[in-house]
């Protein structure tokens, strides 16, 4: 992996963690990864289970496939990759932006909205101050954090001691809830305490202050406190209206019981357009792998 990264000579890396019981990679994601590669991104796909077809398709799209056990889930994969970059100055020093992303979402609207969001997310690559950007933020569990399904570190952060220190000390062993507490929430809390700027593209504060759509959506669910809000689950319609390029698979396949009203999957078609032709096929395949009995 190190050798292929050295050969790529890229200044922007998009690292995507994948896990699917049947090794399926959604068509919607393959199109996004291919588009990023065509726009000059070095795309790394980390996975423990890929079908032969998916592996061949990703390689044909120009992706670097990195085989790794799914220890620590996406946060364990983030740790390993960030440590690899930090320990190799020849990889780290040229980097303007590193995006860490996982497959807990599906792209909506085709590759263009996602690529546009990545340009905005990584526009701070050459800034002198260390900064972590993300798509959404939250204060669930009474701790502020950027949600780590998609985050970006600029060059100044990648070379800041606090970044390497966090990943070096992060223990990737534990339950999913424990990993979220120490990894997702822990990363934001650690960086805040080390004077690193955290910037969400779709700020919860801004949405609560300025979006009547979000207020209406939260009222429908009887939610009245910010620490009970996960915007990607409780405010998904508002986010899509604002141009948000992703939707959570958890919302579609296993919606939280706090959500009242129709099942989100049954309402998704109303939010889509002709750019989502492959999404129905993805949903059919993911339904099989997500609910596969051991």
C-alpha atoms as a PDB file:
ATOM      1  CA  UNK A   1       0.000   0.000   0.000  1.00  0.00           C
ATOM      2  CA  UNK A   2       2.802   2.389   0.890  1.00  0.00           C
ATOM      3  CA  UNK A   3       4.504   1.659  -2.429  1.00  0.00           C
ATOM      4  CA  UNK A   4       1.378   2.310  -4.462  1.00  0.00           C
ATOM      5  CA  UNK A   5       0.755   5.561  -2.611  1.00  0.00           C
ATOM      6  CA  UNK A   6       4.317   6.668  -3.296  1.00  0.00           C
ATOM      7  CA  UNK A   7       3.873   5.898  -6.987  1.00  0.00           C
ATOM      8  CA  UNK A   8       0.599   7.842  -7.140  1.00  0.00           C
ATOM      9  CA  UNK A   9       2.241  11.111  -6.090  1.00  0.00           C
ATOM     10  CA  UNK A  10      -1.164  12.578  -5.242  1.00  0.00           C
ATOM     11  CA  UNK A  11      -1.819  15.664  -3.137  1.00  0.00           C
ATOM     12  CA  UNK A  12      -5.355  14.610  -2.171  1.00  0.00           C
ATOM     13  CA  UNK A  13      -6.288  11.205  -0.790  1.00  0.00           C
ATOM     14  CA  UNK A  14      -9.825   9.894  -0.404  1.00  0.00           C
ATOM     15  CA  UNK A  15      -9.818   6.913   1.976  1.00  0.00           C
ATOM     16  CA  UNK A  16     -13.030   4.865   1.928  1.00  0.00           C
ATOM     17  CA  UNK A  17     -13.698   2.083   4.445  1.00  0.00           C
ATOM     18  CA  UNK A  18     -15.999  -0.691   3.237  1.00  0.00           C
ATOM     19  CA  UNK A  19     -17.631  -3.720   4.800  1.00  0.00           C
ATOM     20  CA  UNK A  20     -20.388  -5.881   3.349  1.00  0.00           C
ATOM     21  CA  UNK A  21     -21.132  -9.478   4.292  1.00  0.00           C
ATOM     22  CA  UNK A  22     -21.416 -10.451   0.610  1.00  0.00           C
ATOM     23  CA  UNK A  23     -18.609  -8.207  -0.599  1.00  0.00           C
ATOM     24  CA  UNK A  24     -20.952  -5.959  -2.561  1.00  0.00           C
ATOM     25  CA  UNK A  25     -19.890  -2.397  -3.409  1.00  0.00           C
ATOM     26  CA  UNK A  26     -22.897  -0.217  -4.304  1.00  0.00           C
ATOM     27  CA  UNK A  27     -22.984   1.078  -7.869  1.00  0.00           C
ATOM     28  CA  UNK A  28     -23.711   4.562  -6.512  1.00  0.00           C
ATOM     29  CA  UNK A  29     -20.449   4.475  -4.561  1.00  0.00           C
ATOM     30  CA  UNK A  30     -18.439   3.014  -7.446  1.00  0.00           C
ATOM     31  CA  UNK A  31     -19.556   5.909  -9.638  1.00  0.00           C
ATOM     32  CA  UNK A  32     -18.486   8.432  -6.970  1.00  0.00           C
ATOM     33  CA  UNK A  33     -15.093   6.765  -6.435  1.00  0.00           C
ATOM     34  CA  UNK A  34     -14.448   6.674 -10.178  1.00  0.00           C
ATOM     35  CA  UNK A  35     -15.400  10.346 -10.534  1.00  0.00           C
ATOM     36  CA  UNK A  36     -13.030  11.312  -7.709  1.00  0.00           C
ATOM     37  CA  UNK A  37     -10.211   9.378  -9.345  1.00  0.00           C
ATOM     38  CA  UNK A  38     -10.866  11.127 -12.658  1.00  0.00           C
ATOM     39  CA  UNK A  39     -10.658  14.474 -10.860  1.00  0.00           C
ATOM     40  CA  UNK A  40      -7.175  13.737  -9.572  1.00  0.00           C
ATOM     41  CA  UNK A  41      -7.901  12.171  -6.188  1.00  0.00           C
ATOM     42  CA  UNK A  42      -5.957   9.137  -5.012  1.00  0.00           C
ATOM     43  CA  UNK A  43      -8.756   6.786  -3.947  1.00  0.00           C
ATOM     44  CA  UNK A  44      -7.980   4.055  -1.405  1.00  0.00           C
ATOM     45  CA  UNK A  45     -10.625   1.418  -0.647  1.00  0.00           C
ATOM     46  CA  UNK A  46     -10.057  -0.477   2.602  1.00  0.00           C
ATOM     47  CA  UNK A  47     -12.028  -3.706   2.904  1.00  0.00           C
ATOM     48  CA  UNK A  48     -11.945  -7.165   4.426  1.00  0.00           C
ATOM     49  CA  UNK A  49     -14.569  -8.640   2.100  1.00  0.00           C
ATOM     50  CA  UNK A  50     -14.887  -7.842  -1.593  1.00  0.00           C
ATOM     51  CA  UNK A  51     -16.412 -10.048  -4.241  1.00  0.00           C
ATOM     52  CA  UNK A  52     -14.107 -10.781  -7.188  1.00  0.00           C
ATOM     53  CA  UNK A  53     -16.372  -8.666  -9.359  1.00  0.00           C
ATOM     54  CA  UNK A  54     -16.245  -5.706  -6.969  1.00  0.00           C
ATOM     55  CA  UNK A  55     -12.458  -5.966  -6.606  1.00  0.00           C
ATOM     56  CA  UNK A  56     -11.971  -5.977 -10.377  1.00  0.00           C
ATOM     57  CA  UNK A  57     -14.364  -3.065 -10.858  1.00  0.00           C
ATOM     58  CA  UNK A  58     -12.610  -0.950  -8.221  1.00  0.00           C
ATOM     59  CA  UNK A  59      -9.173  -1.641  -9.695  1.00  0.00           C
ATOM     60  CA  UNK A  60     -10.532  -0.798 -13.158  1.00  0.00           C
ATOM     61  CA  UNK A  61     -11.801   2.513 -11.747  1.00  0.00           C
ATOM     62  CA  UNK A  62      -8.263   3.378 -10.653  1.00  0.00           C
ATOM     63  CA  UNK A  63      -8.805   2.689  -6.933  1.00  0.00           C
ATOM     64  CA  UNK A  64      -6.072   1.291  -4.697  1.00  0.00           C
ATOM     65  CA  UNK A  65      -7.573  -1.675  -2.824  1.00  0.00           C
ATOM     66  CA  UNK A  66      -6.157  -2.252   0.659  1.00  0.00           C
ATOM     67  CA  UNK A  67      -7.063  -5.569   2.282  1.00  0.00           C
ATOM     68  CA  UNK A  68      -7.501  -5.346   6.035  1.00  0.00           C
ATOM     69  CA  UNK A  69      -9.390  -7.242   8.763  1.00  0.00           C
ATOM     70  CA  UNK A  70     -12.408  -5.272   9.974  1.00  0.00           C
ATOM     71  CA  UNK A  71     -10.926  -4.844  13.474  1.00  0.00           C
ATOM     72  CA  UNK A  72     -12.133  -1.582  15.002  1.00  0.00           C
ATOM     73  CA  UNK A  73     -14.624  -1.050  12.174  1.00  0.00           C
ATOM     74  CA  UNK A  74     -14.124   2.187  10.224  1.00  0.00           C
ATOM     75  CA  UNK A  75     -12.323   3.883  13.118  1.00  0.00           C
ATOM     76  CA  UNK A  76      -9.781   1.081  13.300  1.00  0.00           C
ATOM     77  CA  UNK A  77      -9.204   1.448   9.565  1.00  0.00           C
ATOM     78  CA  UNK A  78      -8.841   5.225   9.959  1.00  0.00           C
ATOM     79  CA  UNK A  79      -6.249   4.660  12.687  1.00  0.00           C
ATOM     80  CA  UNK A  80      -4.139   2.283  10.611  1.00  0.00           C
ATOM     81  CA  UNK A  81      -4.164   4.534   7.567  1.00  0.00           C
ATOM     82  CA  UNK A  82      -3.490   7.745   9.503  1.00  0.00           C
ATOM     83  CA  UNK A  83      -0.576   6.085  11.287  1.00  0.00           C
ATOM     84  CA  UNK A  84       0.793   4.887   7.943  1.00  0.00           C
ATOM     85  CA  UNK A  85       0.672   8.446   6.589  1.00  0.00           C
ATOM     86  CA  UNK A  86       2.137   9.991   9.759  1.00  0.00           C
ATOM     87  CA  UNK A  87       5.017   7.510   9.884  1.00  0.00           C
ATOM     88  CA  UNK A  88       6.031   8.218   6.279  1.00  0.00           C
ATOM     89  CA  UNK A  89       6.919  11.901   5.736  1.00  0.00           C
ATOM     90  CA  UNK A  90       7.289  11.277   1.994  1.00  0.00           C
ATOM     91  CA  UNK A  91       3.536  10.489   1.949  1.00  0.00           C
ATOM     92  CA  UNK A  92       2.436  13.061   4.536  1.00  0.00           C
ATOM     93  CA  UNK A  93       4.378  16.161   3.516  1.00  0.00           C
ATOM     94  CA  UNK A  94       2.947  16.573  -0.026  1.00  0.00           C
ATOM     95  CA  UNK A  95      -0.620  15.965   1.164  1.00  0.00           C
ATOM     96  CA  UNK A  96      -2.986  18.940   1.036  1.00  0.00           C
ATOM     97  CA  UNK A  97      -6.075  17.023   2.132  1.00  0.00           C
ATOM     98  CA  UNK A  98      -6.965  13.624   3.536  1.00  0.00           C
ATOM     99  CA  UNK A  99     -10.624  12.612   3.515  1.00  0.00           C
ATOM    100  CA  UNK A 100     -11.699   9.703   5.728  1.00  0.00           C
ATOM    101  CA  UNK A 101     -15.046   8.249   4.718  1.00  0.00           C
ATOM    102  CA  UNK A 102     -17.010   5.061   5.319  1.00  0.00           C
ATOM    103  CA  UNK A 103     -19.819   3.148   3.633  1.00  0.00           C
ATOM    104  CA  UNK A 104     -22.479   3.822   6.283  1.00  0.00           C
ATOM    105  CA  UNK A 105     -24.146   6.089   3.716  1.00  0.00           C
ATOM    106  CA  UNK A 106     -25.276   5.947   0.099  1.00  0.00           C
ATOM    107  CA  UNK A 107     -24.679   8.791  -2.371  1.00  0.00           C
ATOM    108  CA  UNK A 108     -27.799  10.456  -3.755  1.00  0.00           C
ATOM    109  CA  UNK A 109     -28.012  12.583  -6.872  1.00  0.00           C
ATOM    110  CA  UNK A 110     -25.096  10.938  -8.654  1.00  0.00           C
ATOM    111  CA  UNK A 111     -21.374  11.760  -8.391  1.00  0.00           C
ATOM    112  CA  UNK A 112     -21.605  15.512  -9.047  1.00  0.00           C
ATOM    113  CA  UNK A 113     -23.214  16.602  -5.726  1.00  0.00           C
ATOM    114  CA  UNK A 114     -20.688  14.518  -3.791  1.00  0.00           C
ATOM    115  CA  UNK A 115     -17.715  15.854  -5.735  1.00  0.00           C
ATOM    116  CA  UNK A 116     -18.976  19.411  -5.226  1.00  0.00           C
ATOM    117  CA  UNK A 117     -19.185  18.744  -1.483  1.00  0.00           C
ATOM    118  CA  UNK A 118     -15.638  17.361  -1.418  1.00  0.00           C
ATOM    119  CA  UNK A 119     -14.332  20.538  -3.049  1.00  0.00           C
ATOM    120  CA  UNK A 120     -16.000  22.578  -0.335  1.00  0.00           C
ATOM    121  CA  UNK A 121     -14.896  20.229   2.439  1.00  0.00           C
ATOM    122  CA  UNK A 122     -11.234  20.375   1.382  1.00  0.00           C
ATOM    123  CA  UNK A 123     -10.979  24.017   0.313  1.00  0.00           C
ATOM    124  CA  UNK A 124      -8.843  24.705   3.396  1.00  0.00           C
ATOM    125  CA  UNK A 125      -6.060  22.338   2.300  1.00  0.00           C
ATOM    126  CA  UNK A 126      -3.353  25.013   2.077  1.00  0.00           C
ATOM    127  CA  UNK A 127      -4.406  26.981   5.158  1.00  0.00           C
ATOM    128  CA  UNK A 128      -1.729  27.454   7.814  1.00  0.00           C
ATOM    129  CA  UNK A 129      -3.980  26.618  10.794  1.00  0.00           C
ATOM    130  CA  UNK A 130      -4.860  22.974  11.500  1.00  0.00           C
ATOM    131  CA  UNK A 131      -8.500  22.240  10.772  1.00  0.00           C
ATOM    132  CA  UNK A 132     -10.802  19.233  10.680  1.00  0.00           C
ATOM    133  CA  UNK A 133     -13.897  19.599   8.529  1.00  0.00           C
ATOM    134  CA  UNK A 134     -16.934  17.347   8.331  1.00  0.00           C
ATOM    135  CA  UNK A 135     -20.358  17.266   6.762  1.00  0.00           C
ATOM    136  CA  UNK A 136     -22.444  17.283   9.958  1.00  0.00           C
ATOM    137  CA  UNK A 137     -21.952  17.786  13.685  1.00  0.00           C
ATOM    138  CA  UNK A 138     -23.844  16.645  16.763  1.00  0.00           C
ATOM    139  CA  UNK A 139     -23.939  16.848  20.557  1.00  0.00           C
ATOM    140  CA  UNK A 140     -25.474  13.436  21.150  1.00  0.00           C
ATOM    141  CA  UNK A 141     -24.227  12.012  24.468  1.00  0.00           C
ATOM    142  CA  UNK A 142     -23.641  15.624  25.561  1.00  0.00           C
ATOM    143  CA  UNK A 143     -20.302  15.867  23.756  1.00  0.00           C
ATOM    144  CA  UNK A 144     -19.712  17.983  20.659  1.00  0.00           C
ATOM    145  CA  UNK A 145     -18.296  16.105  17.667  1.00  0.00           C
ATOM    146  CA  UNK A 146     -18.062  16.002  13.916  1.00  0.00           C
ATOM    147  CA  UNK A 147     -19.678  12.830  12.636  1.00  0.00           C
ATOM    148  CA  UNK A 148     -16.897  10.675  11.226  1.00  0.00           C
ATOM    149  CA  UNK A 149     -18.692   9.027   8.305  1.00  0.00           C
ATOM    150  CA  UNK A 150     -16.949  11.750   6.264  1.00  0.00           C
ATOM    151  CA  UNK A 151     -14.244  14.069   7.632  1.00  0.00           C
ATOM    152  CA  UNK A 152     -11.269  15.882   6.103  1.00  0.00           C
ATOM    153  CA  UNK A 153      -7.929  16.919   7.591  1.00  0.00           C
ATOM    154  CA  UNK A 154      -5.950  19.725   5.969  1.00  0.00           C
ATOM    155  CA  UNK A 155      -2.165  19.723   5.576  1.00  0.00           C
ATOM    156  CA  UNK A 156      -1.604  21.741   8.744  1.00  0.00           C
ATOM    157  CA  UNK A 157      -3.557  19.197  10.792  1.00  0.00           C
ATOM    158  CA  UNK A 158      -1.821  16.217   9.186  1.00  0.00           C
ATOM    159  CA  UNK A 159       1.514  17.659  10.326  1.00  0.00           C
ATOM    160  CA  UNK A 160       0.269  18.765  13.756  1.00  0.00           C
ATOM    161  CA  UNK A 161       1.467  16.575  16.673  1.00  0.00           C
ATOM    162  CA  UNK A 162      -2.066  16.328  18.105  1.00  0.00           C
ATOM    163  CA  UNK A 163      -3.294  14.412  15.035  1.00  0.00           C
ATOM    164  CA  UNK A 164      -0.621  11.722  15.200  1.00  0.00           C
ATOM    165  CA  UNK A 165      -0.869  11.515  18.990  1.00  0.00           C
ATOM    166  CA  UNK A 166      -4.591  10.807  18.906  1.00  0.00           C
ATOM    167  CA  UNK A 167      -4.341   7.977  16.403  1.00  0.00           C
ATOM    168  CA  UNK A 168      -1.282   6.454  18.045  1.00  0.00           C
ATOM    169  CA  UNK A 169      -3.068   6.173  21.407  1.00  0.00           C
ATOM    170  CA  UNK A 170      -6.499   5.176  20.034  1.00  0.00           C
ATOM    171  CA  UNK A 171      -7.346   1.568  20.961  1.00  0.00           C
ATOM    172  CA  UNK A 172      -9.366  -0.062  18.132  1.00  0.00           C
ATOM    173  CA  UNK A 173     -10.645  -2.910  20.317  1.00  0.00           C
ATOM    174  CA  UNK A 174     -14.122  -2.709  21.835  1.00  0.00           C
ATOM    175  CA  UNK A 175     -17.819  -2.635  21.050  1.00  0.00           C
ATOM    176  CA  UNK A 176     -19.257  -0.373  18.361  1.00  0.00           C
ATOM    177  CA  UNK A 177     -20.670   2.025  20.978  1.00  0.00           C
ATOM    178  CA  UNK A 178     -17.322   2.113  22.774  1.00  0.00           C
ATOM    179  CA  UNK A 179     -15.474   2.841  19.528  1.00  0.00           C
ATOM    180  CA  UNK A 180     -17.850   5.706  18.769  1.00  0.00           C
ATOM    181  CA  UNK A 181     -17.310   7.193  22.213  1.00  0.00           C
ATOM    182  CA  UNK A 182     -13.512   6.947  22.128  1.00  0.00           C
ATOM    183  CA  UNK A 183     -12.999   7.326  18.387  1.00  0.00           C
ATOM    184  CA  UNK A 184     -15.624   9.553  16.789  1.00  0.00           C
ATOM    185  CA  UNK A 185     -16.474  11.681  19.832  1.00  0.00           C
ATOM    186  CA  UNK A 186     -12.995  11.289  21.298  1.00  0.00           C
ATOM    187  CA  UNK A 187     -11.303  12.669  18.173  1.00  0.00           C
ATOM    188  CA  UNK A 188     -13.335  15.893  18.175  1.00  0.00           C
ATOM    189  CA  UNK A 189     -12.962  16.395  21.907  1.00  0.00           C
ATOM    190  CA  UNK A 190      -9.197  15.792  21.718  1.00  0.00           C
ATOM    191  CA  UNK A 191      -8.722  18.250  18.851  1.00  0.00           C
ATOM    192  CA  UNK A 192     -10.855  20.940  20.507  1.00  0.00           C
ATOM    193  CA  UNK A 193      -8.680  20.669  23.608  1.00  0.00           C
ATOM    194  CA  UNK A 194      -5.602  21.089  21.376  1.00  0.00           C
ATOM    195  CA  UNK A 195      -6.933  24.287  19.764  1.00  0.00           C
ATOM    196  CA  UNK A 196      -7.779  22.690  16.415  1.00  0.00           C
ATOM    197  CA  UNK A 197     -10.657  24.261  14.493  1.00  0.00           C
ATOM    198  CA  UNK A 198     -13.634  21.978  13.732  1.00  0.00           C
ATOM    199  CA  UNK A 199     -15.915  23.061  10.893  1.00  0.00           C
ATOM    200  CA  UNK A 200     -19.109  21.284   9.745  1.00  0.00           C
ATOM    201  CA  UNK A 201     -20.542  22.007   6.292  1.00  0.00           C
ATOM    202  CA  UNK A 202     -24.095  21.520   7.590  1.00  0.00           C
ATOM    203  CA  UNK A 203     -23.900  23.013  11.063  1.00  0.00           C
ATOM    204  CA  UNK A 204     -26.536  21.873  13.561  1.00  0.00           C
ATOM    205  CA  UNK A 205     -26.553  25.371  15.054  1.00  0.00           C
ATOM    206  CA  UNK A 206     -27.158  27.022  11.688  1.00  0.00           C
ATOM    207  CA  UNK A 207     -29.865  24.533  10.782  1.00  0.00           C
ATOM    208  CA  UNK A 208     -31.713  25.011  14.078  1.00  0.00           C
ATOM    209  CA  UNK A 209     -31.500  28.795  13.755  1.00  0.00           C
ATOM    210  CA  UNK A 210     -32.373  29.130  10.089  1.00  0.00           C
ATOM    211  CA  UNK A 211     -34.296  26.111   8.840  1.00  0.00           C
ATOM    212  CA  UNK A 212     -38.063  26.018   9.240  1.00  0.00           C
ATOM    213  CA  UNK A 213     -37.975  22.644   7.475  1.00  0.00           C
ATOM    214  CA  UNK A 214     -35.798  21.172  10.208  1.00  0.00           C
ATOM    215  CA  UNK A 215     -37.972  22.604  12.970  1.00  0.00           C
ATOM    216  CA  UNK A 216     -41.012  21.043  11.331  1.00  0.00           C
ATOM    217  CA  UNK A 217     -39.230  17.709  10.924  1.00  0.00           C
ATOM    218  CA  UNK A 218     -38.158  17.647  14.583  1.00  0.00           C
ATOM    219  CA  UNK A 219     -41.647  18.644  15.765  1.00  0.00           C
ATOM    220  CA  UNK A 220     -43.081  15.643  13.921  1.00  0.00           C
ATOM    221  CA  UNK A 221     -40.819  13.377  15.988  1.00  0.00           C
ATOM    222  CA  UNK A 222     -41.453  15.170  19.275  1.00  0.00           C
ATOM    223  CA  UNK A 223     -37.778  16.127  19.620  1.00  0.00           C
ATOM    224  CA  UNK A 224     -37.151  19.214  21.716  1.00  0.00           C
ATOM    225  CA  UNK A 225     -33.518  19.077  22.859  1.00  0.00           C
ATOM    226  CA  UNK A 226     -30.347  19.417  20.745  1.00  0.00           C
ATOM    227  CA  UNK A 227     -28.592  16.475  22.411  1.00  0.00           C
ATOM    228  CA  UNK A 228     -31.267  14.109  21.111  1.00  0.00           C
ATOM    229  CA  UNK A 229     -30.651  15.062  17.475  1.00  0.00           C
ATOM    230  CA  UNK A 230     -28.581  13.129  15.001  1.00  0.00           C
ATOM    231  CA  UNK A 231     -29.137  15.351  11.933  1.00  0.00           C
ATOM    232  CA  UNK A 232     -28.491  12.563   9.414  1.00  0.00           C
ATOM    233  CA  UNK A 233     -31.320  10.531  10.973  1.00  0.00           C
ATOM    234  CA  UNK A 234     -33.777  13.067  12.393  1.00  0.00           C
ATOM    235  CA  UNK A 235     -33.238  15.786   9.783  1.00  0.00           C
ATOM    236  CA  UNK A 236     -32.575  13.772   6.643  1.00  0.00           C
ATOM    237  CA  UNK A 237     -35.286  15.409   4.517  1.00  0.00           C
ATOM    238  CA  UNK A 238     -34.034  18.878   5.388  1.00  0.00           C
ATOM    239  CA  UNK A 239     -30.455  17.887   4.587  1.00  0.00           C
ATOM    240  CA  UNK A 240     -31.417  16.513   1.164  1.00  0.00           C
ATOM    241  CA  UNK A 241     -33.335  19.705   0.387  1.00  0.00           C
ATOM    242  CA  UNK A 242     -30.188  21.691   1.207  1.00  0.00           C
ATOM    243  CA  UNK A 243     -28.092  19.682  -1.254  1.00  0.00           C
ATOM    244  CA  UNK A 244     -26.656  17.095   1.137  1.00  0.00           C
ATOM    245  CA  UNK A 245     -25.176  14.316  -1.063  1.00  0.00           C
ATOM    246  CA  UNK A 246     -25.671  11.271   1.190  1.00  0.00           C
ATOM    247  CA  UNK A 247     -28.271   9.278   3.084  1.00  0.00           C
ATOM    248  CA  UNK A 248     -27.579   6.933   5.997  1.00  0.00           C
ATOM    249  CA  UNK A 249     -28.154   3.214   5.390  1.00  0.00           C
ATOM    250  CA  UNK A 250     -29.110   2.877   9.057  1.00  0.00           C
ATOM    251  CA  UNK A 251     -32.009   5.270   8.429  1.00  0.00           C
ATOM    252  CA  UNK A 252     -33.273   3.207   5.486  1.00  0.00           C
ATOM    253  CA  UNK A 253     -32.837  -0.314   6.873  1.00  0.00           C
ATOM    254  CA  UNK A 254     -33.126   0.077  10.642  1.00  0.00           C
ATOM    255  CA  UNK A 255     -34.662   3.483  11.454  1.00  0.00           C
ATOM    256  CA  UNK A 256     -34.460   4.606  15.099  1.00  0.00           C
ATOM    257  CA  UNK A 257     -37.623   3.982  17.092  1.00  0.00           C
ATOM    258  CA  UNK A 258     -37.739   7.682  18.002  1.00  0.00           C
ATOM    259  CA  UNK A 259     -38.751   8.445  14.408  1.00  0.00           C
ATOM    260  CA  UNK A 260     -42.499   8.607  13.992  1.00  0.00           C
ATOM    261  CA  UNK A 261     -44.485   8.534  10.766  1.00  0.00           C
ATOM    262  CA  UNK A 262     -43.801   6.565   7.567  1.00  0.00           C
ATOM    263  CA  UNK A 263     -40.728   4.372   7.162  1.00  0.00           C
ATOM    264  CA  UNK A 264     -38.029   6.585   5.581  1.00  0.00           C
ATOM    265  CA  UNK A 265     -37.325   4.052   2.814  1.00  0.00           C
ATOM    266  CA  UNK A 266     -40.938   4.363   1.694  1.00  0.00           C
ATOM    267  CA  UNK A 267     -40.531   8.148   1.422  1.00  0.00           C
ATOM    268  CA  UNK A 268     -37.140   8.199  -0.269  1.00  0.00           C
ATOM    269  CA  UNK A 269     -38.468   8.189  -3.830  1.00  0.00           C
ATOM    270  CA  UNK A 270     -40.057  11.603  -3.246  1.00  0.00           C
ATOM    271  CA  UNK A 271     -36.582  13.053  -2.600  1.00  0.00           C
ATOM    272  CA  UNK A 272     -34.847  11.564  -5.656  1.00  0.00           C
ATOM    273  CA  UNK A 273     -34.462  12.411  -9.340  1.00  0.00           C
ATOM    274  CA  UNK A 274     -33.233  10.739 -12.533  1.00  0.00           C
ATOM    275  CA  UNK A 275     -29.635  10.875 -11.260  1.00  0.00           C
ATOM    276  CA  UNK A 276     -30.458   8.040  -8.845  1.00  0.00           C
ATOM    277  CA  UNK A 277     -31.200   5.297 -11.353  1.00  0.00           C
ATOM    278  CA  UNK A 278     -28.792   2.822  -9.723  1.00  0.00           C
ATOM    279  CA  UNK A 279     -29.941   3.424  -6.160  1.00  0.00           C
ATOM    280  CA  UNK A 280     -32.880   1.009  -6.298  1.00  0.00           C
ATOM    281  CA  UNK A 281     -30.580  -1.824  -7.387  1.00  0.00           C
ATOM    282  CA  UNK A 282     -28.149  -0.943  -4.582  1.00  0.00           C
ATOM    283  CA  UNK A 283     -30.947  -1.017  -2.023  1.00  0.00           C
ATOM    284  CA  UNK A 284     -32.133  -4.430  -3.209  1.00  0.00           C
ATOM    285  CA  UNK A 285     -28.650  -5.914  -2.929  1.00  0.00           C
ATOM    286  CA  UNK A 286     -27.841  -4.255   0.406  1.00  0.00           C
ATOM    287  CA  UNK A 287     -31.105  -5.522   1.894  1.00  0.00           C
ATOM    288  CA  UNK A 288     -29.843  -9.057   1.276  1.00  0.00           C
ATOM    289  CA  UNK A 289     -26.375  -8.579   2.741  1.00  0.00           C
ATOM    290  CA  UNK A 290     -27.508  -6.477   5.705  1.00  0.00           C
ATOM    291  CA  UNK A 291     -30.050  -9.076   6.801  1.00  0.00           C
ATOM    292  CA  UNK A 292     -27.997 -12.175   6.061  1.00  0.00           C
ATOM    293  CA  UNK A 293     -28.185 -14.716   8.888  1.00  0.00           C
ATOM    294  CA  UNK A 294     -24.903 -16.177  10.088  1.00  0.00           C
END
